[in-house]
Amino acid sequence: MLTRSSDAVIVVCGRIGTLNEFTVAFEDRKVIGVLKGSGGITVVIPDILEMARRVKKHIIMDSNPQRLVAEVLKRVKHVDAGKS
């Protein structure tokens, strides 16, 4: 429920619950930030995206947390502007 009501999701490390939140956000075409190098489920997300064979334009991957959050916020503002 929380993932569906959010504007964006940032994935850091995590396990099966985080994977579930990622897939819900992905299916809902939310802006998703993935902190590369944080371990856990983030290690396999690139493989999952490759297997999904769908547009990944709302997915941002970065190893720098500040840059990742800034880009996620930028994309959310862009998506919101397109809704007006």
PDB file of N, CA and C in Angstrom:
ATOM      1  N   MET A   1       0.819  -1.187   0.000  1.00  0.00           N
ATOM      2  CA  MET A   1       0.000   0.000   0.000  1.00  0.00           C
ATOM      3  C   MET A   1       0.867   1.257   0.000  1.00  0.00           C
ATOM      4  N   LEU A   2       1.903   1.247   0.826  1.00  0.00           N
ATOM      5  CA  LEU A   2       2.786   2.411   0.918  1.00  0.00           C
ATOM      6  C   LEU A   2       3.491   2.665  -0.415  1.00  0.00           C
ATOM      7  N   THR A   3       3.954   1.597  -1.048  1.00  0.00           N
ATOM      8  CA  THR A   3       4.634   1.737  -2.336  1.00  0.00           C
ATOM      9  C   THR A   3       3.687   2.292  -3.390  1.00  0.00           C
ATOM     10  N   ARG A   4       2.474   1.808  -3.424  1.00  0.00           N
ATOM     11  CA  ARG A   4       1.497   2.264  -4.427  1.00  0.00           C
ATOM     12  C   ARG A   4       1.110   3.721  -4.230  1.00  0.00           C
ATOM     13  N   SER A   5       1.156   4.220  -3.008  1.00  0.00           N
ATOM     14  CA  SER A   5       0.754   5.604  -2.756  1.00  0.00           C
ATOM     15  C   SER A   5       1.917   6.586  -2.855  1.00  0.00           C
ATOM     16  N   SER A   6       3.107   6.093  -3.112  1.00  0.00           N
ATOM     17  CA  SER A   6       4.288   6.966  -3.192  1.00  0.00           C
ATOM     18  C   SER A   6       4.481   7.541  -4.595  1.00  0.00           C
ATOM     19  N   ASP A   7       5.239   8.619  -4.665  1.00  0.00           N
ATOM     20  CA  ASP A   7       5.607   9.200  -5.955  1.00  0.00           C
ATOM     21  C   ASP A   7       6.851   8.529  -6.524  1.00  0.00           C
ATOM     22  N   ALA A   8       7.688   8.018  -5.630  1.00  0.00           N
ATOM     23  CA  ALA A   8       8.945   7.387  -6.042  1.00  0.00           C
ATOM     24  C   ALA A   8       9.375   6.402  -4.959  1.00  0.00           C
ATOM     25  N   VAL A   9      10.304   5.534  -5.336  1.00  0.00           N
ATOM     26  CA  VAL A   9      10.853   4.547  -4.416  1.00  0.00           C
ATOM     27  C   VAL A   9      12.366   4.558  -4.574  1.00  0.00           C
ATOM     28  N   ILE A  10      13.071   4.492  -3.453  1.00  0.00           N
ATOM     29  CA  ILE A  10      14.525   4.357  -3.499  1.00  0.00           C
ATOM     30  C   ILE A  10      14.873   3.035  -2.829  1.00  0.00           C
ATOM     31  N   VAL A  11      15.593   2.202  -3.575  1.00  0.00           N
ATOM     32  CA  VAL A  11      15.960   0.867  -3.099  1.00  0.00           C
ATOM     33  C   VAL A  11      17.401   0.892  -2.620  1.00  0.00           C
ATOM     34  N   VAL A  12      17.576   0.510  -1.350  1.00  0.00           N
ATOM     35  CA  VAL A  12      18.903   0.429  -0.743  1.00  0.00           C
ATOM     36  C   VAL A  12      19.008  -0.931  -0.076  1.00  0.00           C
ATOM     37  N   CYS A  13      19.949  -1.734  -0.529  1.00  0.00           N
ATOM     38  CA  CYS A  13      20.184  -3.059   0.048  1.00  0.00           C
ATOM     39  C   CYS A  13      18.905  -3.888   0.036  1.00  0.00           C
ATOM     40  N   GLY A  14      18.488  -4.427   1.133  1.00  0.00           N
ATOM     41  CA  GLY A  14      17.221  -5.135   1.251  1.00  0.00           C
ATOM     42  C   GLY A  14      17.253  -6.597   0.872  1.00  0.00           C
ATOM     43  N   ARG A  15      16.093  -7.219   1.132  1.00  0.00           N
ATOM     44  CA  ARG A  15      15.925  -8.631   0.820  1.00  0.00           C
ATOM     45  C   ARG A  15      14.595  -8.825   0.095  1.00  0.00           C
ATOM     46  N   ILE A  16      13.862  -9.864   0.424  1.00  0.00           N
ATOM     47  CA  ILE A  16      12.670 -10.222  -0.339  1.00  0.00           C
ATOM     48  C   ILE A  16      11.576  -9.155  -0.255  1.00  0.00           C
ATOM     49  N   GLY A  17      11.403  -8.514   0.898  1.00  0.00           N
ATOM     50  CA  GLY A  17      10.403  -7.452   1.029  1.00  0.00           C
ATOM     51  C   GLY A  17      10.731  -6.272   0.142  1.00  0.00           C
ATOM     52  N   THR A  18      12.004  -5.940   0.069  1.00  0.00           N
ATOM     53  CA  THR A  18      12.455  -4.844  -0.785  1.00  0.00           C
ATOM     54  C   THR A  18      12.244  -5.208  -2.252  1.00  0.00           C
ATOM     55  N   LEU A  19      12.499  -6.457  -2.606  1.00  0.00           N
ATOM     56  CA  LEU A  19      12.242  -6.909  -3.975  1.00  0.00           C
ATOM     57  C   LEU A  19      10.759  -6.765  -4.311  1.00  0.00           C
ATOM     58  N   ASN A  20       9.903  -7.129  -3.376  1.00  0.00           N
ATOM     59  CA  ASN A  20       8.464  -7.000  -3.587  1.00  0.00           C
ATOM     60  C   ASN A  20       8.088  -5.527  -3.819  1.00  0.00           C
ATOM     61  N   GLU A  21       8.620  -4.631  -2.986  1.00  0.00           N
ATOM     62  CA  GLU A  21       8.333  -3.205  -3.154  1.00  0.00           C
ATOM     63  C   GLU A  21       8.855  -2.701  -4.501  1.00  0.00           C
ATOM     64  N   PHE A  22      10.033  -3.162  -4.896  1.00  0.00           N
ATOM     65  CA  PHE A  22      10.594  -2.776  -6.184  1.00  0.00           C
ATOM     66  C   PHE A  22       9.678  -3.207  -7.325  1.00  0.00           C
ATOM     67  N   THR A  23       9.210  -4.465  -7.284  1.00  0.00           N
ATOM     68  CA  THR A  23       8.384  -4.954  -8.385  1.00  0.00           C
ATOM     69  C   THR A  23       7.027  -4.252  -8.441  1.00  0.00           C
ATOM     70  N   VAL A  24       6.458  -3.929  -7.289  1.00  0.00           N
ATOM     71  CA  VAL A  24       5.205  -3.171  -7.272  1.00  0.00           C
ATOM     72  C   VAL A  24       5.427  -1.797  -7.901  1.00  0.00           C
ATOM     73  N   ALA A  25       6.489  -1.120  -7.492  1.00  0.00           N
ATOM     74  CA  ALA A  25       6.798   0.202  -8.055  1.00  0.00           C
ATOM     75  C   ALA A  25       7.084   0.106  -9.552  1.00  0.00           C
ATOM     76  N   PHE A  26       7.773  -0.940  -9.972  1.00  0.00           N
ATOM     77  CA  PHE A  26       8.092  -1.134 -11.382  1.00  0.00           C
ATOM     78  C   PHE A  26       6.821  -1.348 -12.199  1.00  0.00           C
ATOM     79  N   GLU A  27       5.937  -2.195 -11.701  1.00  0.00           N
ATOM     80  CA  GLU A  27       4.670  -2.452 -12.395  1.00  0.00           C
ATOM     81  C   GLU A  27       3.802  -1.196 -12.460  1.00  0.00           C
ATOM     82  N   ASP A  28       3.863  -0.368 -11.419  1.00  0.00           N
ATOM     83  CA  ASP A  28       3.085   0.870 -11.382  1.00  0.00           C
ATOM     84  C   ASP A  28       3.786   2.025 -12.116  1.00  0.00           C
ATOM     85  N   ARG A  29       4.938   1.731 -12.697  1.00  0.00           N
ATOM     86  CA  ARG A  29       5.727   2.710 -13.445  1.00  0.00           C
ATOM     87  C   ARG A  29       6.097   3.944 -12.611  1.00  0.00           C
ATOM     88  N   LYS A  30       6.471   3.678 -11.354  1.00  0.00           N
ATOM     89  CA  LYS A  30       6.949   4.741 -10.462  1.00  0.00           C
ATOM     90  C   LYS A  30       8.394   5.067 -10.802  1.00  0.00           C
ATOM     91  N   VAL A  31       8.817   6.252 -10.414  1.00  0.00           N
ATOM     92  CA  VAL A  31      10.239   6.587 -10.495  1.00  0.00           C
ATOM     93  C   VAL A  31      10.930   5.759  -9.407  1.00  0.00           C
ATOM     94  N   ILE A  32      11.985   5.053  -9.797  1.00  0.00           N
ATOM     95  CA  ILE A  32      12.703   4.183  -8.861  1.00  0.00           C
ATOM     96  C   ILE A  32      14.183   4.519  -8.892  1.00  0.00           C
ATOM     97  N   GLY A  33      14.730   4.759  -7.713  1.00  0.00           N
ATOM     98  CA  GLY A  33      16.169   4.942  -7.570  1.00  0.00           C
ATOM     99  C   GLY A  33      16.762   3.705  -6.926  1.00  0.00           C
ATOM    100  N   VAL A  34      17.874   3.237  -7.463  1.00  0.00           N
ATOM    101  CA  VAL A  34      18.563   2.069  -6.912  1.00  0.00           C
ATOM    102  C   VAL A  34      19.971   2.491  -6.534  1.00  0.00           C
ATOM    103  N   LEU A  35      20.317   2.344  -5.241  1.00  0.00           N
ATOM    104  CA  LEU A  35      21.656   2.695  -4.783  1.00  0.00           C
ATOM    105  C   LEU A  35      22.602   1.538  -5.083  1.00  0.00           C
ATOM    106  N   LYS A  36      23.343   1.686  -6.177  1.00  0.00           N
ATOM    107  CA  LYS A  36      24.300   0.653  -6.584  1.00  0.00           C
ATOM    108  C   LYS A  36      25.375   0.495  -5.519  1.00  0.00           C
ATOM    109  N   GLY A  37      25.791  -0.740  -5.319  1.00  0.00           N
ATOM    110  CA  GLY A  37      26.868  -1.012  -4.375  1.00  0.00           C
ATOM    111  C   GLY A  37      26.401  -1.124  -2.930  1.00  0.00           C
ATOM    112  N   SER A  38      25.080  -1.059  -2.706  1.00  0.00           N
ATOM    113  CA  SER A  38      24.580  -1.142  -1.328  1.00  0.00           C
ATOM    114  C   SER A  38      24.287  -2.579  -0.908  1.00  0.00           C
ATOM    115  N   GLY A  39      24.452  -3.522  -1.838  1.00  0.00           N
ATOM    116  CA  GLY A  39      24.300  -4.934  -1.514  1.00  0.00           C
ATOM    117  C   GLY A  39      22.864  -5.407  -1.577  1.00  0.00           C
ATOM    118  N   GLY A  40      22.626  -6.544  -0.984  1.00  0.00           N
ATOM    119  CA  GLY A  40      21.288  -7.120  -0.949  1.00  0.00           C
ATOM    120  C   GLY A  40      20.680  -7.271  -2.332  1.00  0.00           C
ATOM    121  N   ILE A  41      19.413  -6.954  -2.430  1.00  0.00           N
ATOM    122  CA  ILE A  41      18.645  -7.140  -3.658  1.00  0.00           C
ATOM    123  C   ILE A  41      19.121  -6.235  -4.791  1.00  0.00           C
ATOM    124  N   THR A  42      19.815  -5.136  -4.454  1.00  0.00           N
ATOM    125  CA  THR A  42      20.272  -4.223  -5.503  1.00  0.00           C
ATOM    126  C   THR A  42      21.253  -4.896  -6.461  1.00  0.00           C
ATOM    127  N   VAL A  43      21.881  -5.949  -6.009  1.00  0.00           N
ATOM    128  CA  VAL A  43      22.847  -6.677  -6.837  1.00  0.00           C
ATOM    129  C   VAL A  43      22.160  -7.357  -8.026  1.00  0.00           C
ATOM    130  N   VAL A  44      20.929  -7.844  -7.825  1.00  0.00           N
ATOM    131  CA  VAL A  44      20.247  -8.593  -8.885  1.00  0.00           C
ATOM    132  C   VAL A  44      19.245  -7.760  -9.680  1.00  0.00           C
ATOM    133  N   ILE A  45      18.993  -6.532  -9.258  1.00  0.00           N
ATOM    134  CA  ILE A  45      18.024  -5.702  -9.977  1.00  0.00           C
ATOM    135  C   ILE A  45      18.393  -5.514 -11.452  1.00  0.00           C
ATOM    136  N   PRO A  46      19.656  -5.278 -11.816  1.00  0.00           N
ATOM    137  CA  PRO A  46      19.971  -5.171 -13.245  1.00  0.00           C
ATOM    138  C   PRO A  46      19.572  -6.428 -14.033  1.00  0.00           C
ATOM    139  N   ASP A  47      19.763  -7.612 -13.450  1.00  0.00           N
ATOM    140  CA  ASP A  47      19.371  -8.857 -14.123  1.00  0.00           C
ATOM    141  C   ASP A  47      17.848  -8.948 -14.251  1.00  0.00           C
ATOM    142  N   ILE A  48      17.145  -8.542 -13.222  1.00  0.00           N
ATOM    143  CA  ILE A  48      15.673  -8.561 -13.256  1.00  0.00           C
ATOM    144  C   ILE A  48      15.174  -7.631 -14.350  1.00  0.00           C
ATOM    145  N   LEU A  49      15.762  -6.453 -14.454  1.00  0.00           N
ATOM    146  CA  LEU A  49      15.363  -5.495 -15.484  1.00  0.00           C
ATOM    147  C   LEU A  49      15.647  -6.031 -16.885  1.00  0.00           C
ATOM    148  N   GLU A  50      16.753  -6.717 -17.033  1.00  0.00           N
ATOM    149  CA  GLU A  50      17.095  -7.308 -18.332  1.00  0.00           C
ATOM    150  C   GLU A  50      16.062  -8.361 -18.727  1.00  0.00           C
ATOM    151  N   MET A  51      15.661  -9.182 -17.771  1.00  0.00           N
ATOM    152  CA  MET A  51      14.677 -10.222 -18.045  1.00  0.00           C
ATOM    153  C   MET A  51      13.287  -9.642 -18.307  1.00  0.00           C
ATOM    154  N   ALA A  52      12.988  -8.498 -17.718  1.00  0.00           N
ATOM    155  CA  ALA A  52      11.655  -7.895 -17.851  1.00  0.00           C
ATOM    156  C   ALA A  52      11.383  -7.421 -19.275  1.00  0.00           C
ATOM    157  N   ARG A  53      12.426  -7.031 -19.978  1.00  0.00           N
ATOM    158  CA  ARG A  53      12.298  -6.579 -21.374  1.00  0.00           C
ATOM    159  C   ARG A  53      11.201  -5.533 -21.545  1.00  0.00           C
ATOM    160  N   ARG A  54      11.235  -4.545 -20.641  1.00  0.00           N
ATOM    161  CA  ARG A  54      10.289  -3.437 -20.722  1.00  0.00           C
ATOM    162  C   ARG A  54      11.052  -2.128 -20.598  1.00  0.00           C
ATOM    163  N   VAL A  55      10.376  -1.057 -20.930  1.00  0.00           N
ATOM    164  CA  VAL A  55      10.991   0.269 -20.842  1.00  0.00           C
ATOM    165  C   VAL A  55      11.402   0.548 -19.401  1.00  0.00           C
ATOM    166  N   LYS A  56      12.608   1.045 -19.243  1.00  0.00           N
ATOM    167  CA  LYS A  56      13.160   1.276 -17.916  1.00  0.00           C
ATOM    168  C   LYS A  56      13.490   2.753 -17.699  1.00  0.00           C
ATOM    169  N   LYS A  57      12.771   3.636 -18.389  1.00  0.00           N
ATOM    170  CA  LYS A  57      13.131   5.051 -18.357  1.00  0.00           C
ATOM    171  C   LYS A  57      12.960   5.705 -16.990  1.00  0.00           C
ATOM    172  N   HIS A  58      12.160   5.121 -16.109  1.00  0.00           N
ATOM    173  CA  HIS A  58      11.958   5.713 -14.787  1.00  0.00           C
ATOM    174  C   HIS A  58      12.870   5.108 -13.721  1.00  0.00           C
ATOM    175  N   ILE A  59      13.844   4.309 -14.141  1.00  0.00           N
ATOM    176  CA  ILE A  59      14.747   3.669 -13.190  1.00  0.00           C
ATOM    177  C   ILE A  59      16.102   4.363 -13.237  1.00  0.00           C
ATOM    178  N   ILE A  60      16.548   4.804 -12.076  1.00  0.00           N
ATOM    179  CA  ILE A  60      17.834   5.490 -11.956  1.00  0.00           C
ATOM    180  C   ILE A  60      18.733   4.641 -11.080  1.00  0.00           C
ATOM    181  N   MET A  61      19.933   4.371 -11.551  1.00  0.00           N
ATOM    182  CA  MET A  61      20.900   3.610 -10.759  1.00  0.00           C
ATOM    183  C   MET A  61      22.143   4.464 -10.582  1.00  0.00           C
ATOM    184  N   ASP A  62      22.559   4.613  -9.335  1.00  0.00           N
ATOM    185  CA  ASP A  62      23.744   5.422  -9.048  1.00  0.00           C
ATOM    186  C   ASP A  62      24.355   4.931  -7.749  1.00  0.00           C
ATOM    187  N   SER A  63      25.661   5.031  -7.630  1.00  0.00           N
ATOM    188  CA  SER A  63      26.345   4.623  -6.400  1.00  0.00           C
ATOM    189  C   SER A  63      26.521   5.795  -5.435  1.00  0.00           C
ATOM    190  N   ASN A  64      26.177   7.001  -5.883  1.00  0.00           N
ATOM    191  CA  ASN A  64      26.293   8.187  -5.034  1.00  0.00           C
ATOM    192  C   ASN A  64      24.904   8.536  -4.487  1.00  0.00           C
ATOM    193  N   PRO A  65      24.690   8.416  -3.172  1.00  0.00           N
ATOM    194  CA  PRO A  65      23.353   8.641  -2.617  1.00  0.00           C
ATOM    195  C   PRO A  65      22.791  10.045  -2.877  1.00  0.00           C
ATOM    196  N   GLN A  66      23.628  11.065  -2.763  1.00  0.00           N
ATOM    197  CA  GLN A  66      23.150  12.432  -2.982  1.00  0.00           C
ATOM    198  C   GLN A  66      22.710  12.636  -4.427  1.00  0.00           C
ATOM    199  N   ARG A  67      23.502  12.149  -5.355  1.00  0.00           N
ATOM    200  CA  ARG A  67      23.171  12.274  -6.764  1.00  0.00           C
ATOM    201  C   ARG A  67      21.905  11.484  -7.097  1.00  0.00           C
ATOM    202  N   LEU A  68      21.778  10.304  -6.495  1.00  0.00           N
ATOM    203  CA  LEU A  68      20.611   9.452  -6.730  1.00  0.00           C
ATOM    204  C   LEU A  68      19.333  10.155  -6.276  1.00  0.00           C
ATOM    205  N   VAL A  69      19.334  10.680  -5.062  1.00  0.00           N
ATOM    206  CA  VAL A  69      18.147  11.361  -4.542  1.00  0.00           C
ATOM    207  C   VAL A  69      17.821  12.588  -5.387  1.00  0.00           C
ATOM    208  N   ALA A  70      18.845  13.351  -5.775  1.00  0.00           N
ATOM    209  CA  ALA A  70      18.617  14.540  -6.610  1.00  0.00           C
ATOM    210  C   ALA A  70      17.975  14.164  -7.943  1.00  0.00           C
ATOM    211  N   GLU A  71      18.437  13.095  -8.557  1.00  0.00           N
ATOM    212  CA  GLU A  71      17.879  12.674  -9.852  1.00  0.00           C
ATOM    213  C   GLU A  71      16.463  12.124  -9.693  1.00  0.00           C
ATOM    214  N   VAL A  72      16.213  11.390  -8.619  1.00  0.00           N
ATOM    215  CA  VAL A  72      14.859  10.881  -8.372  1.00  0.00           C
ATOM    216  C   VAL A  72      13.894  12.056  -8.207  1.00  0.00           C
ATOM    217  N   LEU A  73      14.266  13.051  -7.412  1.00  0.00           N
ATOM    218  CA  LEU A  73      13.412  14.227  -7.216  1.00  0.00           C
ATOM    219  C   LEU A  73      13.175  14.970  -8.523  1.00  0.00           C
ATOM    220  N   LYS A  74      14.222  15.087  -9.321  1.00  0.00           N
ATOM    221  CA  LYS A  74      14.108  15.751 -10.626  1.00  0.00           C
ATOM    222  C   LYS A  74      13.101  15.016 -11.517  1.00  0.00           C
ATOM    223  N   ARG A  75      13.195  13.698 -11.551  1.00  0.00           N
ATOM    224  CA  ARG A  75      12.281  12.911 -12.397  1.00  0.00           C
ATOM    225  C   ARG A  75      10.846  12.965 -11.884  1.00  0.00           C
ATOM    226  N   VAL A  76      10.671  12.950 -10.558  1.00  0.00           N
ATOM    227  CA  VAL A  76       9.315  13.040 -10.002  1.00  0.00           C
ATOM    228  C   VAL A  76       8.693  14.372 -10.390  1.00  0.00           C
ATOM    229  N   LYS A  77       9.459  15.451 -10.301  1.00  0.00           N
ATOM    230  CA  LYS A  77       8.943  16.762 -10.698  1.00  0.00           C
ATOM    231  C   LYS A  77       8.575  16.781 -12.178  1.00  0.00           C
ATOM    232  N   HIS A  78       9.390  16.131 -12.990  1.00  0.00           N
ATOM    233  CA  HIS A  78       9.118  16.053 -14.427  1.00  0.00           C
ATOM    234  C   HIS A  78       7.825  15.271 -14.705  1.00  0.00           C
ATOM    235  N   VAL A  79       7.663  14.143 -14.029  1.00  0.00           N
ATOM    236  CA  VAL A  79       6.464  13.317 -14.197  1.00  0.00           C
ATOM    237  C   VAL A  79       5.234  14.104 -13.733  1.00  0.00           C
ATOM    238  N   ASP A  80       5.352  14.756 -12.575  1.00  0.00           N
ATOM    239  CA  ASP A  80       4.230  15.546 -12.049  1.00  0.00           C
ATOM    240  C   ASP A  80       3.876  16.695 -12.990  1.00  0.00           C
ATOM    241  N   ALA A  81       4.877  17.327 -13.586  1.00  0.00           N
ATOM    242  CA  ALA A  81       4.617  18.428 -14.519  1.00  0.00           C
ATOM    243  C   ALA A  81       3.859  17.937 -15.744  1.00  0.00           C
ATOM    244  N   GLY A  82       4.117  16.712 -16.160  1.00  0.00           N
ATOM    245  CA  GLY A  82       3.437  16.135 -17.316  1.00  0.00           C
ATOM    246  C   GLY A  82       1.980  15.803 -17.047  1.00  0.00           C
ATOM    247  N   LYS A  83       1.603  15.689 -15.775  1.00  0.00           N
ATOM    248  CA  LYS A  83       0.226  15.374 -15.406  1.00  0.00           C
ATOM    249  C   LYS A  83      -0.666  16.604 -15.415  1.00  0.00           C
ATOM    250  N   SER A  84      -0.051  17.780 -15.347  1.00  0.00           N
ATOM    251  CA  SER A  84      -0.843  19.024 -15.271  1.00  0.00           C
ATOM    252  C   SER A  84      -1.439  19.403 -16.596  1.00  0.00           C
TER     253      SER A  84
END
